Amino acid sequence: MDRREILAAAKATTTARGKNYGNVYENHKRIADLWAVILKRPIAPHEVAMCMIALKIARLVETPNHADSQIDIAGYAAILPECFRDE
């Protein structure tokens, strides 16, 4: 895949996820609230997106050409501004 295909796939994926999981900020806030209980500290929605990017990078260490992880990283990077805006 080239960058245009990855970005197009990330756009399609984030759109589909929005239909399944709702508003980006609200979904990441929900995840942040759950992680906060486990980690015993406040978590911000943007931190969820950043941690998910880190998770995908960790997976790419094992399989660097895995397109799904590359697409997901682009998608999480794209939603970061929405998390910051709504925080």
C-alpha atoms as a PDB file:
ATOM      1  CA  MET A   1       0.000   0.000   0.000  1.00  0.00           C
ATOM      2  CA  ASP A   2       1.129   3.548  -0.604  1.00  0.00           C
ATOM      3  CA  ARG A   3       0.361   6.559   1.611  1.00  0.00           C
ATOM      4  CA  ARG A   4      -2.766   7.504  -0.321  1.00  0.00           C
ATOM      5  CA  GLU A   5      -4.209   4.019   0.095  1.00  0.00           C
ATOM      6  CA  ILE A   6      -3.333   3.939   3.801  1.00  0.00           C
ATOM      7  CA  LEU A   7      -4.928   7.340   4.397  1.00  0.00           C
ATOM      8  CA  ALA A   8      -8.030   6.383   2.406  1.00  0.00           C
ATOM      9  CA  ALA A   9      -8.319   3.139   4.361  1.00  0.00           C
ATOM     10  CA  ALA A  10      -7.860   5.013   7.646  1.00  0.00           C
ATOM     11  CA  LYS A  11     -10.629   7.423   6.664  1.00  0.00           C
ATOM     12  CA  ALA A  12     -12.954   4.551   5.796  1.00  0.00           C
ATOM     13  CA  THR A  13     -12.083   2.749   9.023  1.00  0.00           C
ATOM     14  CA  THR A  14     -12.646   5.761  11.275  1.00  0.00           C
ATOM     15  CA  THR A  15     -15.956   6.454   9.535  1.00  0.00           C
ATOM     16  CA  ALA A  16     -17.094   2.862  10.026  1.00  0.00           C
ATOM     17  CA  ARG A  17     -15.948   2.855  13.660  1.00  0.00           C
ATOM     18  CA  GLY A  18     -17.882   6.062  14.239  1.00  0.00           C
ATOM     19  CA  LYS A  19     -21.042   4.330  13.081  1.00  0.00           C
ATOM     20  CA  ASN A  20     -20.365   1.421  15.447  1.00  0.00           C
ATOM     21  CA  TYR A  21     -18.965   3.242  18.484  1.00  0.00           C
ATOM     22  CA  GLY A  22     -20.326   6.776  18.243  1.00  0.00           C
ATOM     23  CA  ASN A  23     -18.608  10.106  18.722  1.00  0.00           C
ATOM     24  CA  VAL A  24     -14.798   9.884  18.828  1.00  0.00           C
ATOM     25  CA  TYR A  25     -14.407  11.973  21.957  1.00  0.00           C
ATOM     26  CA  GLU A  26     -17.209  10.243  23.850  1.00  0.00           C
ATOM     27  CA  ASN A  27     -15.857   6.797  22.978  1.00  0.00           C
ATOM     28  CA  HIS A  28     -12.306   7.708  23.986  1.00  0.00           C
ATOM     29  CA  LYS A  29     -13.609   9.349  27.173  1.00  0.00           C
ATOM     30  CA  ARG A  30     -15.440   6.120  28.013  1.00  0.00           C
ATOM     31  CA  ILE A  31     -12.241   4.132  27.465  1.00  0.00           C
ATOM     32  CA  ALA A  32     -10.247   6.695  29.484  1.00  0.00           C
ATOM     33  CA  ASP A  33     -12.672   6.396  32.392  1.00  0.00           C
ATOM     34  CA  LEU A  34     -12.312   2.610  32.426  1.00  0.00           C
ATOM     35  CA  TRP A  35      -8.518   2.751  32.179  1.00  0.00           C
ATOM     36  CA  ALA A  36      -8.480   5.289  35.026  1.00  0.00           C
ATOM     37  CA  VAL A  37     -10.060   2.715  37.342  1.00  0.00           C
ATOM     38  CA  ILE A  38      -7.443   0.129  36.408  1.00  0.00           C
ATOM     39  CA  LEU A  39      -4.469   2.511  36.503  1.00  0.00           C
ATOM     40  CA  LYS A  40      -5.741   4.487  39.498  1.00  0.00           C
ATOM     41  CA  ARG A  41      -5.090   7.876  37.879  1.00  0.00           C
ATOM     42  CA  PRO A  42      -6.976  10.190  35.559  1.00  0.00           C
ATOM     43  CA  ILE A  43      -6.638   9.388  31.861  1.00  0.00           C
ATOM     44  CA  ALA A  44      -7.507  11.869  29.103  1.00  0.00           C
ATOM     45  CA  PRO A  45      -9.157  10.802  25.840  1.00  0.00           C
ATOM     46  CA  HIS A  46      -6.135  11.963  23.830  1.00  0.00           C
ATOM     47  CA  GLU A  47      -3.951   9.675  25.949  1.00  0.00           C
ATOM     48  CA  VAL A  48      -6.126   6.740  24.879  1.00  0.00           C
ATOM     49  CA  ALA A  49      -5.470   7.544  21.215  1.00  0.00           C
ATOM     50  CA  MET A  50      -1.740   7.973  21.885  1.00  0.00           C
ATOM     51  CA  CYS A  51      -1.563   4.673  23.769  1.00  0.00           C
ATOM     52  CA  MET A  52      -3.394   2.919  20.968  1.00  0.00           C
ATOM     53  CA  ILE A  53      -0.813   4.283  18.524  1.00  0.00           C
ATOM     54  CA  ALA A  54       1.910   2.892  20.812  1.00  0.00           C
ATOM     55  CA  LEU A  55       0.142  -0.486  20.902  1.00  0.00           C
ATOM     56  CA  LYS A  56       0.052  -0.574  17.112  1.00  0.00           C
ATOM     57  CA  ILE A  57       3.752   0.360  16.941  1.00  0.00           C
ATOM     58  CA  ALA A  58       4.549  -2.487  19.344  1.00  0.00           C
ATOM     59  CA  ARG A  59       2.728  -4.864  17.013  1.00  0.00           C
ATOM     60  CA  LEU A  60       4.588  -3.480  14.001  1.00  0.00           C
ATOM     61  CA  VAL A  61       7.888  -4.394  15.651  1.00  0.00           C
ATOM     62  CA  GLU A  62       6.870  -8.042  15.154  1.00  0.00           C
ATOM     63  CA  THR A  63       5.244  -7.610  11.731  1.00  0.00           C
ATOM     64  CA  PRO A  64       6.397  -4.297  10.208  1.00  0.00           C
ATOM     65  CA  ASN A  65       4.486  -4.755   6.953  1.00  0.00           C
ATOM     66  CA  HIS A  66       1.117  -5.442   8.596  1.00  0.00           C
ATOM     67  CA  ALA A  67      -1.167  -3.014   6.779  1.00  0.00           C
ATOM     68  CA  ASP A  68      -3.923  -3.108   9.413  1.00  0.00           C
ATOM     69  CA  SER A  69      -1.640  -1.689  12.106  1.00  0.00           C
ATOM     70  CA  GLN A  70      -0.311   0.961   9.721  1.00  0.00           C
ATOM     71  CA  ILE A  71      -3.877   1.988   8.854  1.00  0.00           C
ATOM     72  CA  ASP A  72      -4.906   2.066  12.513  1.00  0.00           C
ATOM     73  CA  ILE A  73      -1.957   4.315  13.418  1.00  0.00           C
ATOM     74  CA  ALA A  74      -3.027   6.781  10.720  1.00  0.00           C
ATOM     75  CA  GLY A  75      -6.601   6.637  12.001  1.00  0.00           C
ATOM     76  CA  TYR A  76      -5.652   7.257  15.635  1.00  0.00           C
ATOM     77  CA  ALA A  77      -3.364  10.122  14.579  1.00  0.00           C
ATOM     78  CA  ALA A  78      -6.243  11.633  12.613  1.00  0.00           C
ATOM     79  CA  ILE A  79      -8.629  11.588  15.575  1.00  0.00           C
ATOM     80  CA  LEU A  80      -6.163  13.132  18.050  1.00  0.00           C
ATOM     81  CA  PRO A  81      -7.212  16.698  17.177  1.00  0.00           C
ATOM     82  CA  GLU A  82     -10.857  15.833  17.885  1.00  0.00           C
ATOM     83  CA  CYS A  83      -9.914  14.519  21.316  1.00  0.00           C
ATOM     84  CA  PHE A  84      -7.914  17.666  22.098  1.00  0.00           C
ATOM     85  CA  ARG A  85     -10.675  19.920  20.770  1.00  0.00           C
ATOM     86  CA  ASP A  86     -13.333  18.354  22.949  1.00  0.00           C
ATOM     87  CA  GLU A  87     -11.190  18.115  26.077  1.00  0.00           C
END
